[in-house]
Amino acid sequence: MVWGPLIAWYLFLAGASAGAFLTSAFVEAKYPDSVKMRVAGRIIAPVFLAIGLVMLIFDAEAGLYNPLRFFWLIANPGSVMTLGVYFICVFMPVALVSALLEILKKPVPKWLTWIGVVAAFSVAAYTGFLLGVVKAYPLWNNAVLPILFVVSALSAGLAATSLVGPLVDRERFEQMWLIKKSHVILSAIEMVVLATMLIIVSAGSVEGAASVQSLIMGQYAPAFWGGIVLLGLVAPFLIEGYPVFVTKRVETSMTSMAVSVIGEAGVLVGGFLLRLLVILAALPVLYL
């Protein structure tokens, strides 16, 4: 089994899609007047997932020439891939219908939103379990990876939706303190979970230790420290945490907005690099 950048994009986009839908549901519950932010999250969700699914189909090259492979995939409920297909088959229509209702300026039923919330969490978790069940790769086969991917998905979806906020409704966006606090909390949790996973994997096997070594000191170290840690975690933590916990006042200048946009973009870059490097750095266990 060989996975590369296309799968990394799929995992990132599917997770961000789930996170965007969950963000829109959160905005609807806590900030009902922020209509544009809610609509943005609901439109991002099906768009991101659709792009990710196209990449997944192209990655499954054999499936393009032998469509029956897709049939056998959905006919195997014992497979994590099959469960993921089931989750997506629920989440995609719900996300798409919700987006269309928002575009048509019609209310989205509460029951539909709740189905979408459950399906979104399932999709976000599935992106981690998809790698986690591959026992030959210690960097993937651990209980912490699905948790890390769920937290990262929530953060990426929140960032994608928040990128739209300053453009469509800057005044309301700057007053959404719970959104800003969520950014800080998710970044902190993700740092802790990432460190925990690397420690566990490094202590578990020689191959796991080698994978971790390649991330923190080897060929992937520049992308890991610069892209994931600094740009994707530390910078957003400081950018969102400073006004929330230090100054405790709203900054509405163009400079503050530009810095905020950089922080959101950093979360997205870091979220993609996390999945890409987890795939590329994984080394298989050599059975004797």
Protein backbone atom coordinates (compact mmCIF):
# COMPACT_ATOMS: atom_id res chain seq x y z
CA MET A 1 0.00 0.00 0.00
CA VAL A 2 1.54 3.32 -1.07
CA TRP A 3 -0.08 6.58 -0.02
CA GLY A 4 1.17 10.00 -0.98
CA PRO A 5 0.20 13.66 -1.35
CA LEU A 6 -3.24 13.02 -2.89
CA ILE A 7 -4.32 11.03 0.16
CA ALA A 8 -2.88 13.74 2.41
CA TRP A 9 -5.02 16.30 0.58
CA TYR A 10 -8.07 14.06 0.90
CA LEU A 11 -7.55 13.56 4.64
CA PHE A 12 -7.03 17.29 5.13
CA LEU A 13 -10.01 18.42 3.05
CA ALA A 14 -12.37 15.83 4.54
CA GLY A 15 -11.33 16.83 8.05
CA ALA A 16 -11.57 20.57 7.31
CA SER A 17 -14.98 19.99 5.73
CA ALA A 18 -16.23 18.34 8.90
CA GLY A 19 -14.69 21.12 10.99
CA ALA A 20 -16.33 23.82 8.86
CA PHE A 21 -19.78 22.24 9.28
CA LEU A 22 -19.27 21.98 13.04
CA THR A 23 -18.12 25.61 13.14
CA SER A 24 -21.26 26.73 11.32
CA ALA A 25 -23.42 24.80 13.80
CA PHE A 26 -21.52 26.41 16.69
CA VAL A 27 -21.95 29.90 15.19
CA GLU A 28 -25.66 29.26 14.68
CA ALA A 29 -26.07 28.28 18.34
CA LYS A 30 -23.89 30.97 19.94
CA TYR A 31 -24.02 33.84 17.44
CA PRO A 32 -27.36 33.61 15.61
CA ASP A 33 -26.94 37.12 14.16
CA SER A 34 -23.71 36.16 12.38
CA VAL A 35 -25.52 34.81 9.36
CA LYS A 36 -22.68 35.28 6.88
CA MET A 37 -20.22 33.30 8.99
CA ARG A 38 -22.73 30.48 9.37
CA VAL A 39 -23.43 30.40 5.65
CA ALA A 40 -19.70 30.43 4.89
CA GLY A 41 -19.12 27.33 7.01
CA ARG A 42 -21.99 25.47 5.42
CA ILE A 43 -20.81 26.24 1.89
CA ILE A 44 -17.19 25.36 2.65
CA ALA A 45 -18.17 21.93 4.03
CA PRO A 46 -19.52 20.27 0.84
CA VAL A 47 -17.05 22.10 -1.43
CA PHE A 48 -14.00 20.88 0.51
CA LEU A 49 -15.34 17.34 0.77
CA ALA A 50 -16.19 17.17 -2.94
CA ILE A 51 -12.66 18.27 -3.90
CA GLY A 52 -11.20 15.72 -1.50
CA LEU A 53 -13.33 12.91 -2.92
CA VAL A 54 -12.20 13.73 -6.46
CA MET A 55 -8.59 13.43 -5.30
CA LEU A 56 -9.37 10.14 -3.59
CA ILE A 57 -10.90 8.73 -6.77
CA PHE A 58 -7.86 9.72 -8.83
CA ASP A 59 -5.57 8.18 -6.23
CA ALA A 60 -7.45 4.89 -6.51
CA GLU A 61 -6.13 4.37 -10.04
CA ALA A 62 -7.27 0.79 -10.32
CA GLY A 63 -10.79 1.86 -9.41
CA LEU A 64 -10.93 4.12 -12.44
CA TYR A 65 -10.39 1.14 -14.72
CA ASN A 66 -12.32 -1.36 -12.64
CA PRO A 67 -15.33 0.36 -11.02
CA LEU A 68 -16.36 -2.91 -9.34
CA ARG A 69 -13.59 -2.23 -6.82
CA PHE A 70 -15.74 0.58 -5.43
CA PHE A 71 -18.69 -1.81 -5.11
CA TRP A 72 -16.61 -4.30 -3.14
CA LEU A 73 -15.41 -1.46 -0.96
CA ILE A 74 -18.92 -0.54 0.21
CA ALA A 75 -19.80 -4.22 0.56
CA ASN A 76 -17.21 -4.82 3.29
CA PRO A 77 -18.63 -3.35 6.54
CA GLY A 78 -15.74 -4.78 8.56
CA SER A 79 -13.33 -2.34 6.88
CA VAL A 80 -12.60 1.13 8.24
CA MET A 81 -12.58 2.37 4.64
CA THR A 82 -16.11 1.06 4.20
CA LEU A 83 -17.29 2.71 7.42
CA GLY A 84 -15.75 5.93 6.16
CA VAL A 85 -17.73 5.61 2.93
CA TYR A 86 -20.91 5.14 4.99
CA PHE A 87 -20.13 8.26 7.05
CA ILE A 88 -19.42 10.30 3.92
CA CYS A 89 -22.61 9.03 2.26
CA VAL A 90 -24.52 10.57 5.15
CA PHE A 91 -22.46 13.70 5.67
CA MET A 92 -22.13 14.80 2.03
CA PRO A 93 -25.88 14.97 1.25
CA VAL A 94 -26.61 16.66 4.58
CA ALA A 95 -23.85 19.23 4.04
CA LEU A 96 -24.96 19.83 0.45
CA VAL A 97 -28.65 20.25 1.33
CA SER A 98 -27.76 22.57 4.22
CA ALA A 99 -25.62 24.71 1.92
CA LEU A 100 -28.38 24.89 -0.72
CA LEU A 101 -30.97 25.89 1.88
CA GLU A 102 -28.67 28.65 3.11
CA ILE A 103 -28.07 29.91 -0.43
CA LEU A 104 -31.83 29.93 -1.04
CA LYS A 105 -32.26 31.79 2.28
CA LYS A 106 -34.40 29.05 3.74
CA PRO A 107 -34.07 27.75 7.30
CA VAL A 108 -32.07 24.59 7.88
CA PRO A 109 -34.09 22.20 10.09
CA LYS A 110 -32.57 21.53 13.50
CA TRP A 111 -32.81 17.78 12.99
CA LEU A 112 -30.80 18.06 9.77
CA THR A 113 -28.12 20.10 11.53
CA TRP A 114 -27.86 17.49 14.30
CA ILE A 115 -27.50 14.67 11.79
CA GLY A 116 -24.77 16.70 10.10
CA VAL A 117 -22.99 17.31 13.43
CA VAL A 118 -22.87 13.58 14.23
CA ALA A 119 -21.79 12.70 10.67
CA ALA A 120 -19.14 15.44 10.69
CA PHE A 121 -17.58 14.11 13.91
CA SER A 122 -17.63 10.63 12.39
CA VAL A 123 -15.88 11.79 9.22
CA ALA A 124 -13.25 13.71 11.20
CA ALA A 125 -12.51 10.64 13.35
CA TYR A 126 -12.51 8.31 10.34
CA THR A 127 -9.67 10.27 8.71
CA GLY A 128 -7.50 9.26 11.65
CA PHE A 129 -8.68 5.66 11.92
CA LEU A 130 -8.07 5.18 8.18
CA LEU A 131 -4.34 5.29 8.87
CA GLY A 132 -4.54 3.92 12.39
CA VAL A 133 -5.68 0.44 11.40
CA VAL A 134 -2.56 -0.16 9.29
CA LYS A 135 -0.61 -2.17 11.87
CA ALA A 136 2.62 -2.30 9.90
CA TYR A 137 3.30 1.41 10.48
CA PRO A 138 3.83 2.41 14.15
CA LEU A 139 3.47 6.13 13.35
CA TRP A 140 -0.08 5.39 12.17
CA ASN A 141 -1.06 2.45 14.35
CA ASN A 142 -1.59 4.16 17.70
CA ALA A 143 -4.60 5.32 19.67
CA VAL A 144 -3.54 8.97 19.69
CA LEU A 145 -3.52 9.61 15.93
CA PRO A 146 -7.35 9.69 15.52
CA ILE A 147 -7.58 12.16 18.42
CA LEU A 148 -4.91 14.33 16.82
CA PHE A 149 -6.70 14.30 13.46
CA VAL A 150 -10.06 15.17 15.06
CA VAL A 151 -8.58 18.17 16.89
CA SER A 152 -6.71 19.23 13.75
CA ALA A 153 -9.91 18.88 11.68
CA LEU A 154 -11.84 21.11 14.08
CA SER A 155 -9.04 23.67 14.00
CA ALA A 156 -8.76 23.60 10.19
CA GLY A 157 -12.53 23.93 9.70
CA LEU A 158 -12.63 26.80 12.18
CA ALA A 159 -9.73 28.49 10.38
CA ALA A 160 -11.29 28.07 6.92
CA THR A 161 -14.56 29.59 8.12
CA SER A 162 -12.80 32.33 10.07
CA LEU A 163 -10.85 33.35 6.97
CA VAL A 164 -14.17 34.42 5.46
CA GLY A 165 -15.25 36.32 8.59
CA PRO A 166 -13.10 39.43 8.19
CA LEU A 167 -14.16 39.70 4.54
CA VAL A 168 -17.92 39.34 4.89
CA ASP A 169 -18.70 40.60 8.40
CA ARG A 170 -15.64 42.10 10.06
CA GLU A 171 -17.41 43.93 12.88
CA ARG A 172 -19.34 40.87 14.10
CA PHE A 173 -16.36 38.59 13.59
CA GLU A 174 -14.19 40.70 15.91
CA GLN A 175 -16.80 40.34 18.65
CA MET A 176 -16.91 36.53 18.46
CA TRP A 177 -14.71 35.85 21.48
CA LEU A 178 -15.75 32.21 21.79
CA ILE A 179 -14.42 31.58 18.28
CA LYS A 180 -11.10 33.18 19.17
CA LYS A 181 -10.89 31.27 22.46
CA SER A 182 -11.67 28.04 20.63
CA HIS A 183 -8.70 28.70 18.32
CA VAL A 184 -6.38 29.09 21.29
CA ILE A 185 -7.74 26.02 23.09
CA LEU A 186 -7.59 23.80 19.99
CA SER A 187 -4.02 24.90 19.23
CA ALA A 188 -2.96 24.11 22.81
CA ILE A 189 -4.68 20.72 22.77
CA GLU A 190 -3.17 19.86 19.39
CA MET A 191 0.35 20.66 20.62
CA VAL A 192 -0.11 18.41 23.66
CA VAL A 193 -1.65 15.56 21.65
CA LEU A 194 1.05 15.77 18.96
CA ALA A 195 3.83 15.65 21.55
CA THR A 196 2.11 12.74 23.32
CA MET A 197 1.81 10.75 20.10
CA LEU A 198 5.45 11.27 19.18
CA ILE A 199 6.61 10.14 22.63
CA ILE A 200 4.42 7.02 22.56
CA VAL A 201 5.42 6.07 19.01
CA SER A 202 9.11 6.69 19.68
CA ALA A 203 9.06 4.42 22.73
CA GLY A 204 7.09 1.65 21.05
CA SER A 205 9.45 0.28 18.42
CA VAL A 206 12.67 0.89 16.53
CA GLU A 207 10.72 1.77 13.38
CA GLY A 208 8.50 4.15 15.32
CA ALA A 209 11.53 5.85 16.82
CA ALA A 210 13.06 6.19 13.36
CA SER A 211 9.86 7.77 12.03
CA VAL A 212 9.78 10.29 14.88
CA GLN A 213 13.48 10.97 14.39
CA SER A 214 12.91 11.81 10.72
CA LEU A 215 10.23 14.29 11.77
CA ILE A 216 12.02 16.14 14.53
CA MET A 217 15.66 15.87 13.44
CA GLY A 218 15.79 14.30 9.98
CA GLN A 219 14.73 15.15 6.45
CA TYR A 220 11.24 16.30 7.44
CA ALA A 221 12.38 18.46 10.37
CA PRO A 222 12.23 21.85 8.54
CA ALA A 223 8.62 21.24 7.45
CA PHE A 224 7.71 19.79 10.85
CA TRP A 225 9.11 22.61 12.99
CA GLY A 226 8.52 25.44 10.55
CA GLY A 227 5.22 24.39 8.98
CA ILE A 228 3.41 22.35 11.61
CA VAL A 229 4.74 23.61 14.93
CA LEU A 230 5.57 27.27 14.26
CA LEU A 231 3.17 28.26 11.48
CA GLY A 232 0.33 25.85 12.24
CA LEU A 233 0.31 25.82 16.06
CA VAL A 234 2.46 28.38 17.86
CA ALA A 235 1.71 31.40 15.63
CA PRO A 236 -2.11 30.96 15.70
CA PHE A 237 -1.94 30.34 19.47
CA LEU A 238 -0.12 33.63 20.02
CA ILE A 239 -2.09 35.63 17.45
CA GLU A 240 -5.50 34.65 18.82
CA GLY A 241 -4.40 34.34 22.44
CA TYR A 242 -2.89 37.81 22.78
CA PRO A 243 -6.08 39.86 22.30
CA VAL A 244 -8.26 37.34 24.14
CA PHE A 245 -6.18 36.76 27.25
CA VAL A 246 -3.69 39.65 27.39
CA THR A 247 -5.17 42.92 26.09
CA LYS A 248 -8.80 41.74 26.42
CA ARG A 249 -9.94 44.27 23.86
CA VAL A 250 -11.08 44.19 20.27
CA GLU A 251 -8.59 45.18 17.57
CA THR A 252 -10.28 46.31 14.36
CA SER A 253 -7.36 47.88 12.49
CA MET A 254 -6.34 46.60 9.10
CA THR A 255 -3.02 45.46 10.57
CA SER A 256 -4.73 43.33 13.21
CA MET A 257 -7.03 41.85 10.58
CA ALA A 258 -4.07 41.01 8.33
CA VAL A 259 -2.28 39.32 11.23
CA SER A 260 -5.44 37.35 12.01
CA VAL A 261 -5.70 36.18 8.40
CA ILE A 262 -2.06 35.05 8.51
CA GLY A 263 -2.87 33.02 11.64
CA GLU A 264 -5.85 31.33 10.01
CA ALA A 265 -3.85 30.54 6.87
CA GLY A 266 -1.10 29.11 9.06
CA VAL A 267 -3.57 26.69 10.65
CA LEU A 268 -4.58 25.42 7.21
CA VAL A 269 -0.99 25.02 6.03
CA GLY A 270 -0.04 23.27 9.25
CA GLY A 271 -3.07 20.98 9.06
CA PHE A 272 -2.15 19.79 5.59
CA LEU A 273 1.53 19.35 6.43
CA LEU A 274 0.60 17.33 9.51
CA ARG A 275 -1.18 14.74 7.38
CA LEU A 276 1.43 14.81 4.63
CA LEU A 277 4.36 14.28 6.97
CA VAL A 278 2.58 11.61 8.99
CA ILE A 279 2.15 9.69 5.73
CA LEU A 280 5.65 10.30 4.36
CA ALA A 281 7.58 9.72 7.58
CA ALA A 282 5.93 6.39 8.48
CA LEU A 283 8.29 3.43 8.33
CA PRO A 284 7.01 -0.18 8.30
CA VAL A 285 7.86 -2.76 10.92
CA LEU A 286 10.23 -5.34 9.46
CA TYR A 287 8.96 -8.75 10.48
CA LEU A 288 11.64 -11.47 10.64
